[in-house]
Protein backbone atom coordinates (compact mmCIF):
# COMPACT_ATOMS: atom_id res chain seq x y z
CA MET A 1 0.00 0.00 0.00
CA THR A 2 1.14 3.54 -0.70
CA ALA A 3 2.01 5.97 2.09
CA VAL A 4 0.46 8.85 0.13
CA PRO A 5 -3.14 9.52 1.24
CA GLN A 6 -5.51 8.76 -1.63
CA GLN A 7 -7.37 12.05 -1.46
CA ARG A 8 -7.34 15.16 -3.62
CA LEU A 9 -6.27 18.24 -1.67
CA LEU A 10 -5.80 21.75 -3.06
CA ARG A 11 -3.86 24.17 -0.85
CA THR A 12 -3.16 26.72 -3.59
CA GLU A 13 -4.29 27.50 -7.07
CA ILE A 14 -2.81 25.20 -9.75
CA PRO A 15 0.01 25.74 -10.42
CA GLY A 16 0.94 27.08 -7.01
CA PRO A 17 3.52 29.76 -6.26
CA GLN A 18 6.42 27.38 -5.64
CA SER A 19 5.72 25.52 -8.88
CA VAL A 20 5.53 28.84 -10.74
CA ALA A 21 8.92 29.84 -9.34
CA ARG A 22 10.44 26.50 -10.29
CA HIS A 23 9.03 26.76 -13.79
CA ARG A 24 10.72 30.12 -14.27
CA ARG A 25 13.95 28.37 -13.33
CA LYS A 26 13.17 25.59 -15.83
CA THR A 27 12.89 28.03 -18.71
CA THR A 28 16.45 29.29 -18.08
CA ALA A 29 18.00 25.83 -17.78
CA VAL A 30 16.04 23.43 -20.01
CA SER A 31 15.64 23.54 -23.78
CA ALA A 32 12.37 25.15 -24.89
CA GLY A 33 11.93 22.09 -27.10
CA VAL A 34 11.11 20.06 -23.98
CA GLY A 35 7.46 20.92 -23.35
CA VAL A 36 5.49 20.59 -20.12
CA GLY A 37 1.79 19.82 -20.08
CA LEU A 38 1.09 20.93 -16.51
CA PRO A 39 3.89 22.90 -14.77
CA VAL A 40 3.42 21.56 -11.24
CA TYR A 41 6.61 20.20 -9.69
CA ILE A 42 6.16 16.85 -7.94
CA THR A 43 7.81 15.81 -4.70
CA ARG A 44 5.96 12.56 -3.85
CA ALA A 45 3.50 10.22 -5.50
CA GLY A 46 1.70 6.95 -4.92
CA GLY A 47 -1.45 5.13 -5.95
CA GLY A 48 -3.47 7.65 -7.91
CA ILE A 49 -2.08 10.82 -6.26
CA LEU A 50 0.73 13.23 -7.16
CA VAL A 51 1.92 15.64 -4.46
CA ASP A 52 3.46 18.93 -5.63
CA VAL A 53 5.88 21.36 -4.00
CA ASP A 54 2.99 23.54 -2.80
CA GLY A 55 1.40 20.63 -0.91
CA ASN A 56 -1.38 20.04 -3.43
CA HIS A 57 -2.53 16.43 -3.90
CA LEU A 58 -3.54 15.91 -7.52
CA ILE A 59 -5.48 13.00 -9.00
CA ASP A 60 -3.40 11.25 -11.65
CA PHE A 61 -5.22 10.21 -14.83
CA GLY A 62 -2.00 9.99 -16.86
CA SER A 63 0.41 7.57 -15.12
CA GLY A 64 3.34 9.42 -16.68
CA ILE A 65 1.89 8.38 -20.08
CA ALA A 66 1.03 4.78 -19.13
CA VAL A 67 4.26 4.14 -17.20
CA THR A 68 3.33 3.93 -13.50
CA THR A 69 0.92 1.05 -13.96
CA VAL A 70 1.76 -0.37 -10.52
CA GLY A 71 1.75 3.12 -9.00
CA ASN A 72 4.59 5.51 -8.18
CA ALA A 73 7.06 4.23 -5.60
CA ALA A 74 5.38 0.82 -5.20
CA PRO A 75 7.02 -0.59 -2.06
CA ARG A 76 8.10 -3.83 -3.73
CA VAL A 77 9.71 -1.89 -6.57
CA VAL A 78 11.41 0.50 -4.13
CA SER A 79 12.84 -2.43 -2.13
CA ALA A 80 14.11 -4.21 -5.23
CA VAL A 81 15.73 -1.06 -6.59
CA THR A 82 17.29 -0.20 -3.22
CA ARG A 83 18.87 -3.64 -2.94
CA GLN A 84 20.22 -3.48 -6.49
CA VAL A 85 21.64 0.03 -6.10
CA ALA A 86 23.49 -1.14 -2.99
CA ASP A 87 25.02 -4.05 -4.93
CA PHE A 88 25.96 -2.31 -8.21
CA THR A 89 24.41 0.20 -10.58
CA HIS A 90 26.09 -0.76 -13.85
CA THR A 91 28.57 -3.07 -15.52
CA CYS A 92 27.17 -3.07 -19.10
CA PHE A 93 25.61 -6.42 -19.90
CA MET A 94 27.71 -6.67 -23.07
CA VAL A 95 30.91 -6.48 -20.99
CA THR A 96 30.17 -8.44 -17.82
CA PRO A 97 26.58 -9.79 -17.64
CA TYR A 98 24.30 -10.26 -14.64
CA ASP A 99 21.25 -12.33 -13.72
CA GLY A 100 18.64 -9.55 -13.75
CA TYR A 101 18.87 -9.00 -17.51
CA VAL A 102 18.43 -12.72 -18.21
CA GLU A 103 15.54 -13.00 -15.75
CA VAL A 104 13.66 -10.12 -17.38
CA CYS A 105 14.13 -11.73 -20.79
CA GLU A 106 12.80 -15.02 -19.42
CA LYS A 107 9.70 -13.25 -18.09
CA LEU A 108 9.11 -11.51 -21.41
CA ASN A 109 9.54 -14.74 -23.35
CA ALA A 110 6.92 -16.39 -21.13
CA LEU A 111 4.41 -13.51 -21.00
CA THR A 112 4.29 -12.26 -24.60
CA PRO A 113 1.75 -13.92 -26.95
CA GLY A 114 2.50 -17.36 -28.38
CA ASP A 115 3.99 -20.58 -27.05
CA HIS A 116 6.82 -20.73 -29.59
CA GLU A 117 10.48 -20.44 -28.63
CA LYS A 118 11.43 -16.79 -28.08
CA ARG A 119 14.36 -14.55 -27.34
CA SER A 120 14.49 -10.98 -25.98
CA ALA A 121 16.90 -8.05 -26.00
CA LEU A 122 16.70 -5.05 -23.67
CA PHE A 123 17.03 -1.35 -24.46
CA ASN A 124 16.35 2.03 -22.84
CA SER A 125 13.26 3.49 -24.52
CA GLY A 126 10.29 2.57 -26.64
CA ALA A 127 11.78 4.31 -29.67
CA GLU A 128 14.95 2.24 -29.31
CA ALA A 129 12.87 -0.92 -29.10
CA VAL A 130 10.96 -0.11 -32.29
CA GLU A 131 14.13 0.85 -34.14
CA ASN A 132 15.79 -2.41 -33.14
CA ALA A 133 12.72 -4.45 -34.10
CA VAL A 134 12.94 -2.94 -37.60
CA LYS A 135 16.67 -3.74 -37.71
CA ILE A 136 15.93 -7.35 -36.76
CA ALA A 137 13.13 -7.66 -39.30
CA ARG A 138 15.25 -6.31 -42.15
CA HIS A 139 18.21 -8.49 -41.21
CA ALA A 140 16.16 -11.66 -40.85
CA THR A 141 14.13 -11.23 -44.05
CA GLY A 142 16.69 -9.53 -46.27
CA ARG A 143 13.94 -7.11 -47.31
CA PRO A 144 14.09 -3.30 -47.00
CA ALA A 145 10.52 -1.94 -46.80
CA VAL A 146 8.48 -1.31 -43.65
CA ILE A 147 4.75 -0.52 -43.53
CA THR A 148 3.21 1.72 -40.91
CA PHE A 149 -0.19 3.39 -40.59
CA ASP A 150 -1.94 6.74 -40.55
CA HIS A 151 -2.12 8.22 -37.01
CA ALA A 152 0.77 6.01 -35.84
CA TYR A 153 3.24 7.06 -33.17
CA HIS A 154 6.44 5.04 -32.72
CA GLY A 155 9.02 7.44 -31.28
CA ARG A 156 11.39 10.37 -31.83
CA THR A 157 14.56 8.85 -33.31
CA ASN A 158 15.12 9.45 -37.02
CA LEU A 159 13.73 6.06 -38.05
CA THR A 160 10.82 6.16 -35.64
CA MET A 161 9.94 9.70 -36.67
CA ALA A 162 9.63 8.32 -40.19
CA LEU A 163 7.24 5.68 -38.84
CA THR A 164 5.27 8.30 -36.87
CA ALA A 165 2.43 10.00 -38.76
CA LYS A 166 1.91 13.33 -36.97
CA ALA A 167 4.15 16.17 -38.15
CA ARG A 168 3.81 18.65 -35.30
CA PRO A 169 5.45 18.59 -32.86
CA TYR A 170 7.21 15.28 -33.54
CA LYS A 171 8.65 15.68 -37.05
CA ASP A 172 8.46 19.34 -38.00
CA GLY A 173 11.87 20.58 -39.16
CA PHE A 174 13.74 17.38 -38.29
CA GLY A 175 13.95 15.72 -41.73
CA PRO A 176 15.07 14.17 -43.97
CA PHE A 177 13.90 10.90 -42.50
CA ALA A 178 14.86 7.27 -42.98
CA GLY A 179 13.76 5.75 -46.26
CA GLU A 180 11.77 2.69 -47.31
CA ILE A 181 8.94 3.57 -44.93
CA TYR A 182 5.42 3.38 -46.39
CA ARG A 183 2.12 4.38 -44.81
CA ALA A 184 -1.23 2.60 -45.13
CA PRO A 185 -4.70 3.85 -44.07
CA MET A 186 -5.63 3.02 -40.49
CA ALA A 187 -8.88 1.29 -39.61
CA TYR A 188 -10.39 4.26 -37.74
CA PRO A 189 -14.10 3.47 -37.37
CA LEU A 190 -15.29 6.98 -36.41
CA ARG A 191 -13.59 8.64 -39.37
CA TRP A 192 -13.55 5.91 -42.01
CA PRO A 193 -14.98 7.45 -45.24
CA GLY A 194 -17.25 4.46 -45.86
CA GLY A 195 -18.62 4.50 -42.31
CA SER A 196 -17.84 2.37 -39.26
CA GLU A 197 -19.75 -0.69 -40.52
CA ALA A 198 -17.61 -0.86 -43.66
CA CYS A 199 -14.36 0.02 -41.92
CA ALA A 200 -12.95 -3.45 -41.22
CA GLN A 201 -13.25 -4.74 -44.79
CA GLN A 202 -12.46 -1.52 -46.61
CA ALA A 203 -9.49 -0.66 -44.39
CA PHE A 204 -8.05 -4.14 -44.87
CA ASP A 205 -8.49 -3.88 -48.63
CA ALA A 206 -6.81 -0.46 -48.61
CA PHE A 207 -3.89 -1.85 -46.61
CA VAL A 208 -3.41 -4.75 -49.03
CA ASP A 209 -3.66 -2.43 -52.02
CA THR A 210 -1.08 -0.03 -50.53
CA VAL A 211 1.46 -2.79 -49.99
CA HIS A 212 0.82 -4.46 -53.35
CA THR A 213 0.87 -1.35 -55.53
CA GLN A 214 3.29 0.96 -53.75
CA VAL A 215 5.81 -1.44 -52.25
CA GLY A 216 5.47 -5.06 -53.32
CA GLU A 217 4.95 -7.96 -50.94
CA ALA A 218 8.36 -9.49 -51.76
CA ARG A 219 10.12 -6.24 -50.77
CA THR A 220 8.29 -5.80 -47.45
CA ALA A 221 10.16 -6.83 -44.32
CA ALA A 222 7.58 -5.90 -41.70
CA VAL A 223 4.33 -4.25 -40.80
CA VAL A 224 4.57 -2.17 -37.60
CA ILE A 225 1.24 -1.69 -35.82
CA GLU A 226 0.00 -0.52 -32.44
CA PRO A 227 -2.89 -2.92 -31.61
CA ILE A 228 -4.58 0.18 -30.15
CA GLN A 229 -3.01 3.38 -31.40
CA GLY A 230 -1.75 5.62 -28.61
CA GLU A 231 -0.69 9.18 -29.38
CA GLY A 232 -2.71 9.04 -32.60
CA GLY A 233 -5.94 9.06 -30.61
CA PHE A 234 -6.47 5.72 -28.81
CA ILE A 235 -7.88 4.37 -32.05
CA VAL A 236 -9.29 0.86 -31.63
CA PRO A 237 -9.57 -0.95 -34.98
CA PRO A 238 -12.79 -2.88 -35.62
CA PRO A 239 -12.91 -6.53 -34.49
CA GLY A 240 -11.17 -8.88 -36.87
CA TRP A 241 -9.10 -6.29 -38.73
CA LEU A 242 -5.83 -6.94 -36.87
CA ARG A 243 -6.36 -10.69 -37.19
CA ARG A 244 -6.73 -10.36 -40.97
CA VAL A 245 -3.62 -8.18 -41.25
CA ALA A 246 -1.64 -10.74 -39.23
CA ASP A 247 -2.84 -13.66 -41.37
CA TRP A 248 -2.08 -11.78 -44.60
CA CYS A 249 1.43 -10.93 -43.38
CA ARG A 250 2.13 -14.56 -42.56
CA GLN A 251 0.88 -15.63 -45.98
CA HIS A 252 3.43 -13.35 -47.66
CA GLY A 253 6.40 -13.90 -45.34
CA ILE A 254 6.06 -10.40 -43.90
CA LEU A 255 6.83 -9.99 -40.20
CA LEU A 256 4.24 -8.45 -37.89
CA ILE A 257 5.77 -6.13 -35.28
CA ALA A 258 3.31 -5.29 -32.51
CA ASP A 259 4.20 -2.01 -30.83
CA GLU A 260 2.88 -2.74 -27.33
CA ILE A 261 4.79 0.09 -25.69
CA GLN A 262 1.68 1.89 -24.43
CA THR A 263 -0.72 -1.07 -24.52
CA GLY A 264 1.43 -3.67 -22.78
CA PHE A 265 1.65 -4.92 -19.20
CA CYS A 266 -2.00 -5.23 -18.18
CA ARG A 267 -3.01 -1.77 -19.43
CA THR A 268 -5.77 -3.02 -21.75
CA GLY A 269 -7.05 -5.84 -19.52
CA ASP A 270 -4.74 -8.42 -21.07
CA TRP A 271 -0.99 -8.68 -20.67
CA PHE A 272 -0.74 -7.45 -24.24
CA ALA A 273 -3.41 -5.91 -26.46
CA ALA A 274 -2.76 -8.29 -29.38
CA GLU A 275 -4.10 -11.12 -27.20
CA HIS A 276 -7.60 -9.67 -27.41
CA GLU A 277 -7.66 -10.66 -31.11
CA GLN A 278 -5.70 -13.90 -30.53
CA VAL A 279 -2.90 -12.43 -32.64
CA VAL A 280 0.62 -13.77 -32.14
CA PRO A 281 3.10 -11.19 -33.49
CA ASP A 282 6.50 -12.18 -34.80
CA LEU A 283 8.11 -9.39 -32.77
CA VAL A 284 6.77 -7.40 -29.81
CA THR A 285 8.17 -4.10 -28.57
CA THR A 286 7.63 -3.08 -24.95
CA ALA A 287 8.58 -0.22 -22.61
CA LYS A 288 6.55 2.23 -20.44
CA GLY A 289 4.76 0.03 -17.86
CA ILE A 290 7.46 -2.65 -17.80
CA ALA A 291 9.55 -1.33 -14.88
CA GLY A 292 7.45 0.71 -12.48
CA GLY A 293 8.76 4.04 -13.76
CA LEU A 294 12.40 3.21 -14.48
CA PRO A 295 13.70 3.35 -18.07
CA LEU A 296 13.61 -0.05 -19.75
CA ALA A 297 12.44 -1.38 -23.10
CA ALA A 298 12.58 -4.65 -24.98
CA VAL A 299 12.14 -6.51 -28.22
CA THR A 300 10.81 -10.04 -27.83
CA GLY A 301 10.25 -12.38 -30.74
CA ARG A 302 10.65 -15.67 -32.49
CA ALA A 303 13.97 -17.26 -31.63
CA ASP A 304 14.96 -17.73 -35.27
CA LEU A 305 14.46 -14.00 -35.95
CA MET A 306 16.15 -12.73 -32.81
CA ASP A 307 19.10 -15.08 -33.31
CA ALA A 308 19.51 -14.16 -36.99
CA VAL A 309 21.36 -10.98 -36.04
CA GLY A 310 25.10 -11.42 -35.74
CA THR A 311 26.76 -11.23 -32.33
CA GLY A 312 27.22 -7.57 -31.38
CA GLY A 313 24.51 -6.42 -33.77
CA LEU A 314 22.16 -5.54 -30.91
CA GLY A 315 22.82 -3.76 -27.63
CA GLY A 316 23.78 -0.44 -26.10
CA THR A 317 25.74 0.79 -23.11
CA TYR A 318 22.77 1.19 -20.78
CA GLY A 319 20.33 -1.31 -22.28
CA GLY A 320 18.95 -3.59 -19.57
CA ASN A 321 20.50 -1.55 -16.75
CA PRO A 322 20.57 -3.72 -13.59
CA VAL A 323 18.54 -1.26 -11.52
CA SER A 324 15.82 -1.09 -14.17
CA CYS A 325 15.80 -4.87 -14.44
CA ALA A 326 15.30 -5.19 -10.69
CA ALA A 327 12.39 -2.76 -10.92
CA ALA A 328 10.85 -4.69 -13.81
CA LEU A 329 10.99 -8.02 -12.01
CA ALA A 330 9.29 -6.49 -8.97
CA ALA A 331 6.67 -4.73 -11.09
CA ILE A 332 5.83 -7.94 -12.95
CA GLU A 333 5.44 -9.75 -9.63
CA ILE A 334 2.92 -7.10 -8.54
CA MET A 335 1.00 -7.40 -11.80
CA ILE A 336 0.72 -11.18 -11.39
CA GLU A 337 -0.01 -11.36 -7.66
CA GLU A 338 -2.50 -8.47 -7.65
CA ASN A 339 -4.13 -9.54 -10.95
CA LEU A 340 -3.74 -6.12 -12.53
CA CYS A 341 -5.22 -7.40 -15.79
CA GLY A 342 -8.43 -7.99 -13.85
CA ARG A 343 -8.08 -4.59 -12.19
CA ALA A 344 -7.79 -2.93 -15.62
CA ARG A 345 -11.08 -4.57 -16.65
CA GLU A 346 -12.72 -3.27 -13.46
CA ILE A 347 -11.51 0.24 -14.31
CA GLU A 348 -12.89 -0.17 -17.84
CA ARG A 349 -16.35 -0.95 -16.47
CA LEU A 350 -16.25 2.00 -14.08
CA PHE A 351 -15.11 4.48 -16.73
CA LEU A 352 -17.18 3.27 -19.66
CA ALA A 353 -20.46 3.40 -17.76
CA ARG A 354 -19.77 7.01 -16.90
CA LEU A 355 -18.33 8.04 -20.28
CA HIS A 356 -21.19 6.50 -22.25
CA ASP A 357 -23.64 8.31 -19.99
CA LEU A 358 -21.82 11.58 -20.69
CA ALA A 359 -21.88 10.86 -24.42
CA SER A 360 -25.64 10.43 -24.29
CA ARG A 361 -25.97 13.92 -22.77
CA TYR A 362 -23.18 15.87 -24.51
CA ASP A 363 -23.25 15.85 -28.30
CA VAL A 364 -19.67 17.14 -28.38
CA ILE A 365 -18.51 13.63 -27.42
CA GLY A 366 -18.25 12.04 -30.83
CA ASP A 367 -16.85 8.72 -29.64
CA VAL A 368 -16.04 6.73 -26.51
CA ARG A 369 -13.44 4.03 -27.05
CA GLY A 370 -10.60 2.03 -25.59
CA ARG A 371 -10.02 -1.10 -23.59
CA GLY A 372 -9.08 -1.79 -19.98
CA ALA A 373 -7.54 1.27 -18.37
CA MET A 374 -6.64 2.77 -21.75
CA LEU A 375 -9.75 4.77 -22.60
CA ALA A 376 -10.63 7.93 -24.49
CA VAL A 377 -13.31 10.31 -25.64
CA GLU A 378 -13.07 12.23 -28.91
CA LEU A 379 -14.52 15.75 -28.83
CA VAL A 380 -16.22 17.13 -31.95
CA THR A 381 -18.28 20.13 -32.97
CA GLY A 382 -21.46 18.25 -32.06
CA ALA A 383 -25.01 17.79 -33.34
CA GLY A 384 -23.95 15.25 -35.95
CA ASP A 385 -20.89 17.25 -37.00
CA LEU A 386 -17.73 15.19 -36.46
CA THR A 387 -15.38 18.08 -37.13
CA PRO A 388 -12.54 17.77 -34.57
CA ASN A 389 -12.79 20.24 -31.70
CA PRO A 390 -9.27 20.85 -30.37
CA ALA A 391 -10.22 24.22 -28.84
CA LEU A 392 -12.84 22.63 -26.59
CA THR A 393 -10.43 19.81 -25.75
CA ALA A 394 -7.78 22.29 -24.64
CA ALA A 395 -10.33 24.24 -22.59
CA VAL A 396 -11.56 21.10 -20.78
CA ASN A 397 -7.98 20.03 -20.16
CA ALA A 398 -7.10 23.40 -18.61
CA ARG A 399 -10.14 23.27 -16.33
CA CYS A 400 -9.27 19.75 -15.19
CA HIS A 401 -5.75 20.89 -14.36
CA ARG A 402 -6.96 23.86 -12.34
CA ALA A 403 -9.24 21.51 -10.37
CA GLY A 404 -6.37 19.19 -9.47
CA LEU A 405 -6.87 16.44 -12.07
CA VAL A 406 -3.87 15.54 -14.22
CA THR A 407 -5.26 14.76 -17.67
CA LEU A 408 -3.69 14.14 -21.07
CA THR A 409 -4.87 14.86 -24.57
CA CYS A 410 -3.79 13.20 -27.81
CA GLY A 411 -4.91 12.54 -31.37
CA THR A 412 -3.78 13.64 -34.79
CA TYR A 413 -6.24 16.54 -34.54
CA GLY A 414 -5.58 17.30 -30.86
CA ASN A 415 -9.19 16.55 -29.88
CA VAL A 416 -8.96 13.32 -27.88
CA PHE A 417 -8.94 12.97 -24.10
CA ARG A 418 -7.06 9.88 -22.94
CA PHE A 419 -7.55 8.28 -19.54
CA LEU A 420 -4.58 6.27 -18.21
CA PRO A 421 -4.94 5.98 -14.43
CA PRO A 422 -2.55 3.85 -12.41
CA LEU A 423 -4.08 0.42 -11.92
CA THR A 424 -3.51 0.82 -8.18
CA ALA A 425 -5.74 3.92 -7.88
CA PRO A 426 -8.86 3.30 -5.71
CA ASP A 427 -12.35 3.52 -7.20
CA ALA A 428 -13.35 6.50 -5.07
CA LEU A 429 -10.48 8.54 -6.50
CA LEU A 430 -11.32 7.50 -10.06
CA THR A 431 -14.96 8.49 -9.54
CA GLU A 432 -13.92 11.88 -8.17
CA GLY A 433 -11.70 12.39 -11.19
CA LEU A 434 -14.60 11.62 -13.52
CA ASP A 435 -16.74 14.11 -11.58
CA ILE A 436 -14.10 16.76 -12.22
CA PHE A 437 -13.92 15.86 -15.90
CA GLU A 438 -17.70 16.15 -16.24
CA SER A 439 -17.76 19.54 -14.52
CA ALA A 440 -14.91 20.77 -16.72
CA LEU A 441 -16.66 19.55 -19.86
CA ASP A 442 -19.93 21.19 -18.83
CA ALA A 443 -18.30 24.54 -18.06
CA ALA A 444 -16.05 24.58 -21.11
CA ARG A 445 -18.93 23.62 -23.40
CA ALA A 446 -20.99 26.52 -22.05
CA ASP A 447 -18.08 28.90 -22.83
CA HIS A 448 -17.74 27.57 -26.37
């Protein structure tokens, strides 16, 4: 249990005076390219609460962008990290290895979809994991081309920027980008031109046509897909679409890379989102929720693919840092013993009942979607007009922040609210957060 009381408490306006002073200091020391969504400076956190320097206790609906799945400073994670720091902080696994790295790989090999023989390699960030998965796919297949999708987000390295769809702020001014990257239409039911009922079939046909006409099946190494798109707007493809893409890839010797960086580790109510469609990817990339807040990422996949790369072809100085590995092993223990997949499904039921009720009363909610504790609403002009409404979204977000609720927006058009609470947050806190969101939506809608 966390030592931080699970209650919202506002002692000052948000942000408070000490946070404001610290933020002035930030602007003189930190690159302006590093943005801040809510400039409150945190001193403690646990469960579903963040405590700032002014003594305010804020409800956390962001989990550091799906990272603190087991909560901030989970006691078991803290103990494991403390023990490891006391023993050693680094040797570089490629120089002198250690058990923690191997144990994390064993866990990943067991937990990721499929009962085939697997191997894993550890890295520092989600972008590194995706980049290395593409390297592995190209090496193993001898093919150059990679397919990604509209609205995709895969990272900020040069290659992963090429895979990412949204220009601003992620790609603007940073090109030229890596080549042999091709983009297919995403199965986005709300915005599919033929309507949601036709989306699954038409989007699959469009994907196949894109690969066949623009790339060529025999030149395609891999398809990279988020089973539920994250930054692009929490887009959930229609049932059966991912399954058909996976089957088609297998038919043509194309590898399926599932980017489970935001969806993995119990977030969607399964260990991995691909499991919901009974899809077994060839390669899986993970990060975010894997290590209780410490930096760690991985590629896990078929043994023949992972072993195809020559010795020394994968790695990095800090990849699989021993402290992060200790945190990951503890976090995975918590997920198993506390059945956090089941907890994510409980959160889904709590949120969806409330969000669907709001959608029935507010025509500016164009869609409610998601799975587990990865949920979203898309805000539109309303009254049958699905025009994205980023201005209203920003206004609601600002009101939530002022009321002590940490919320995140996303989406290609900047009009999607995403809800990513820690799986350890109590129901009463989640309900209070939804109350705040409803009040903010009501007030902002009246102003707009």
